[in-house]
Amino acid sequence: MAEQPNDRTGTLPASQAVMLAGMASYSEGSVVSRTLTDSPAGTITLFAFDAGQGLSEHSAPFDAFIQVIEGRVELTIGGEKVEASAGEVVLMPANVPHAVKAVERFKMLLVMIRG
């Protein structure tokens, strides 16, 4: 049987259980990101934010789903503040400006579906 082409790139190993939180390390005064998978259908990216770090306001053409893995974050979505902690999820709608600020060190999984 011929192999199917792999249209995914990234670092998430196929057919293996992995400890998600251990796939990105904190870096003092920084935001660390690691693309776990990237395909025409969407992306999955793991982020580790040091306390006080963030991403300035921006928007994306697709819905973005955030799952907080560790710590706490303050999101600003369409001008409204939303706090989320480990175990919580937030949907950021397409084309709505949003920003991210680490209330404390935190890790999040960002899933963006294109379409």
C-alpha atoms as a PDB file:
ATOM      1  CA  MET A   1       0.000   0.000   0.000  1.00  0.00           C
ATOM      2  CA  ALA A   2       1.374   3.410  -0.951  1.00  0.00           C
ATOM      3  CA  GLU A   3       2.056   5.942   1.790  1.00  0.00           C
ATOM      4  CA  GLN A   4      -0.268   8.909   1.941  1.00  0.00           C
ATOM      5  CA  PRO A   5       1.432  12.295   1.736  1.00  0.00           C
ATOM      6  CA  ASN A   6       1.689  14.061   5.084  1.00  0.00           C
ATOM      7  CA  ASP A   7       0.304  17.584   4.746  1.00  0.00           C
ATOM      8  CA  ARG A   8       0.938  18.336   8.454  1.00  0.00           C
ATOM      9  CA  THR A   9       4.044  19.962   9.835  1.00  0.00           C
ATOM     10  CA  GLY A  10       4.975  20.562  13.435  1.00  0.00           C
ATOM     11  CA  THR A  11       6.280  18.638  16.394  1.00  0.00           C
ATOM     12  CA  LEU A  12       3.313  16.689  17.743  1.00  0.00           C
ATOM     13  CA  PRO A  13       4.198  13.010  17.321  1.00  0.00           C
ATOM     14  CA  ALA A  14       1.535  10.835  15.727  1.00  0.00           C
ATOM     15  CA  SER A  15       0.040   7.875  17.584  1.00  0.00           C
ATOM     16  CA  GLN A  16       1.700   8.715  20.916  1.00  0.00           C
ATOM     17  CA  ALA A  17       0.474   9.994  24.253  1.00  0.00           C
ATOM     18  CA  VAL A  18       2.484  13.059  25.271  1.00  0.00           C
ATOM     19  CA  MET A  19       2.518  15.294  28.349  1.00  0.00           C
ATOM     20  CA  LEU A  20       1.298  18.546  26.823  1.00  0.00           C
ATOM     21  CA  ALA A  21       2.536  20.916  29.545  1.00  0.00           C
ATOM     22  CA  GLY A  22       6.077  19.563  29.159  1.00  0.00           C
ATOM     23  CA  MET A  23       6.265  20.386  25.465  1.00  0.00           C
ATOM     24  CA  ALA A  24       6.980  24.103  26.058  1.00  0.00           C
ATOM     25  CA  SER A  25       9.167  25.577  28.796  1.00  0.00           C
ATOM     26  CA  TYR A  26       8.897  28.983  30.428  1.00  0.00           C
ATOM     27  CA  SER A  27      11.585  31.530  29.617  1.00  0.00           C
ATOM     28  CA  GLU A  28      12.111  34.500  31.942  1.00  0.00           C
ATOM     29  CA  GLY A  29      10.587  37.681  30.505  1.00  0.00           C
ATOM     30  CA  SER A  30       9.413  35.922  27.355  1.00  0.00           C
ATOM     31  CA  VAL A  31       6.641  34.211  25.449  1.00  0.00           C
ATOM     32  CA  VAL A  32       7.562  30.798  24.049  1.00  0.00           C
ATOM     33  CA  SER A  33       5.495  29.178  21.319  1.00  0.00           C
ATOM     34  CA  ARG A  34       5.705  25.736  19.811  1.00  0.00           C
ATOM     35  CA  THR A  35       3.691  24.717  16.759  1.00  0.00           C
ATOM     36  CA  LEU A  36       2.435  21.213  17.375  1.00  0.00           C
ATOM     37  CA  THR A  37       0.699  20.821  14.043  1.00  0.00           C
ATOM     38  CA  ASP A  38       0.080  23.036  11.035  1.00  0.00           C
ATOM     39  CA  SER A  39      -2.066  21.960   8.114  1.00  0.00           C
ATOM     40  CA  PRO A  40      -4.363  23.559   5.542  1.00  0.00           C
ATOM     41  CA  ALA A  41      -7.255  22.809   7.945  1.00  0.00           C
ATOM     42  CA  GLY A  42      -5.721  24.670  10.919  1.00  0.00           C
ATOM     43  CA  THR A  43      -3.012  24.969  13.536  1.00  0.00           C
ATOM     44  CA  ILE A  44      -2.402  23.815  17.091  1.00  0.00           C
ATOM     45  CA  THR A  45       0.164  25.853  19.005  1.00  0.00           C
ATOM     46  CA  LEU A  46       1.345  25.553  22.606  1.00  0.00           C
ATOM     47  CA  PHE A  47       2.376  28.774  24.358  1.00  0.00           C
ATOM     48  CA  ALA A  48       4.241  29.401  27.637  1.00  0.00           C
ATOM     49  CA  PHE A  49       4.013  32.995  28.933  1.00  0.00           C
ATOM     50  CA  ASP A  50       6.132  34.340  31.775  1.00  0.00           C
ATOM     51  CA  ALA A  51       4.215  36.483  34.301  1.00  0.00           C
ATOM     52  CA  GLY A  52       3.336  39.913  32.908  1.00  0.00           C
ATOM     53  CA  GLN A  53       4.069  38.935  29.312  1.00  0.00           C
ATOM     54  CA  GLY A  54       1.458  39.050  26.576  1.00  0.00           C
ATOM     55  CA  LEU A  55       0.418  39.538  22.999  1.00  0.00           C
ATOM     56  CA  SER A  56      -0.760  42.958  21.865  1.00  0.00           C
ATOM     57  CA  GLU A  57      -4.207  43.429  20.389  1.00  0.00           C
ATOM     58  CA  HIS A  58      -4.703  41.739  17.045  1.00  0.00           C
ATOM     59  CA  SER A  59      -7.389  39.813  15.191  1.00  0.00           C
ATOM     60  CA  ALA A  60      -7.505  36.628  13.162  1.00  0.00           C
ATOM     61  CA  PRO A  61      -9.753  35.670  10.248  1.00  0.00           C
ATOM     62  CA  PHE A  62     -10.774  32.428  11.993  1.00  0.00           C
ATOM     63  CA  ASP A  63     -12.193  31.420  15.377  1.00  0.00           C
ATOM     64  CA  ALA A  64      -9.469  30.666  17.932  1.00  0.00           C
ATOM     65  CA  PHE A  65     -10.018  28.230  20.793  1.00  0.00           C
ATOM     66  CA  ILE A  66      -7.805  28.607  23.887  1.00  0.00           C
ATOM     67  CA  GLN A  67      -7.387  25.929  26.540  1.00  0.00           C
ATOM     68  CA  VAL A  68      -5.465  27.081  29.630  1.00  0.00           C
ATOM     69  CA  ILE A  69      -3.091  24.295  30.720  1.00  0.00           C
ATOM     70  CA  GLU A  70      -1.421  25.990  33.729  1.00  0.00           C
ATOM     71  CA  GLY A  71      -1.713  29.325  35.527  1.00  0.00           C
ATOM     72  CA  ARG A  72      -3.993  32.297  34.783  1.00  0.00           C
ATOM     73  CA  VAL A  73      -4.496  34.652  31.864  1.00  0.00           C
ATOM     74  CA  GLU A  74      -6.425  37.832  31.209  1.00  0.00           C
ATOM     75  CA  LEU A  75      -7.812  38.055  27.693  1.00  0.00           C
ATOM     76  CA  THR A  76      -9.332  41.175  26.205  1.00  0.00           C
ATOM     77  CA  ILE A  77     -11.814  40.198  23.498  1.00  0.00           C
ATOM     78  CA  GLY A  78     -13.684  42.953  21.700  1.00  0.00           C
ATOM     79  CA  GLY A  79     -12.852  45.330  24.552  1.00  0.00           C
ATOM     80  CA  GLU A  80     -14.188  42.969  27.260  1.00  0.00           C
ATOM     81  CA  LYS A  81     -11.916  41.380  29.909  1.00  0.00           C
ATOM     82  CA  VAL A  82     -12.102  37.597  30.337  1.00  0.00           C
ATOM     83  CA  GLU A  83      -9.995  35.789  32.964  1.00  0.00           C
ATOM     84  CA  ALA A  84      -9.294  32.091  32.544  1.00  0.00           C
ATOM     85  CA  SER A  85      -7.430  29.564  34.690  1.00  0.00           C
ATOM     86  CA  ALA A  86      -6.038  26.059  34.266  1.00  0.00           C
ATOM     87  CA  GLY A  87      -8.710  23.717  32.942  1.00  0.00           C
ATOM     88  CA  GLU A  88     -10.830  26.477  31.387  1.00  0.00           C
ATOM     89  CA  VAL A  89     -11.413  27.190  27.709  1.00  0.00           C
ATOM     90  CA  VAL A  90     -12.292  30.369  25.817  1.00  0.00           C
ATOM     91  CA  LEU A  91     -13.469  30.853  22.243  1.00  0.00           C
ATOM     92  CA  MET A  92     -12.204  34.011  20.569  1.00  0.00           C
ATOM     93  CA  PRO A  93     -14.423  34.796  17.568  1.00  0.00           C
ATOM     94  CA  ALA A  94     -13.011  35.461  14.108  1.00  0.00           C
ATOM     95  CA  ASN A  95     -12.298  39.095  13.196  1.00  0.00           C
ATOM     96  CA  VAL A  96     -12.759  40.361  16.782  1.00  0.00           C
ATOM     97  CA  PRO A  97      -9.696  42.141  18.211  1.00  0.00           C
ATOM     98  CA  HIS A  98      -8.144  40.349  21.177  1.00  0.00           C
ATOM     99  CA  ALA A  99      -5.091  40.607  23.413  1.00  0.00           C
ATOM    100  CA  VAL A 100      -3.425  38.246  25.892  1.00  0.00           C
ATOM    101  CA  LYS A 101      -1.764  39.095  29.240  1.00  0.00           C
ATOM    102  CA  ALA A 102      -0.288  36.615  31.717  1.00  0.00           C
ATOM    103  CA  VAL A 103      -1.673  37.332  35.207  1.00  0.00           C
ATOM    104  CA  GLU A 104       0.888  34.751  36.343  1.00  0.00           C
ATOM    105  CA  ARG A 105       3.016  32.282  34.415  1.00  0.00           C
ATOM    106  CA  PHE A 106       0.664  30.304  32.234  1.00  0.00           C
ATOM    107  CA  LYS A 107       0.538  27.845  29.373  1.00  0.00           C
ATOM    108  CA  MET A 108      -2.197  27.640  26.780  1.00  0.00           C
ATOM    109  CA  LEU A 109      -3.066  25.523  23.808  1.00  0.00           C
ATOM    110  CA  LEU A 110      -4.313  27.573  20.853  1.00  0.00           C
ATOM    111  CA  VAL A 111      -6.379  25.764  18.220  1.00  0.00           C
ATOM    112  CA  MET A 112      -7.288  27.649  15.069  1.00  0.00           C
ATOM    113  CA  ILE A 113      -9.532  26.051  12.466  1.00  0.00           C
ATOM    114  CA  ARG A 114      -9.335  27.605   9.021  1.00  0.00           C
ATOM    115  CA  GLY A 115     -12.818  27.475   7.617  1.00  0.00           C
END
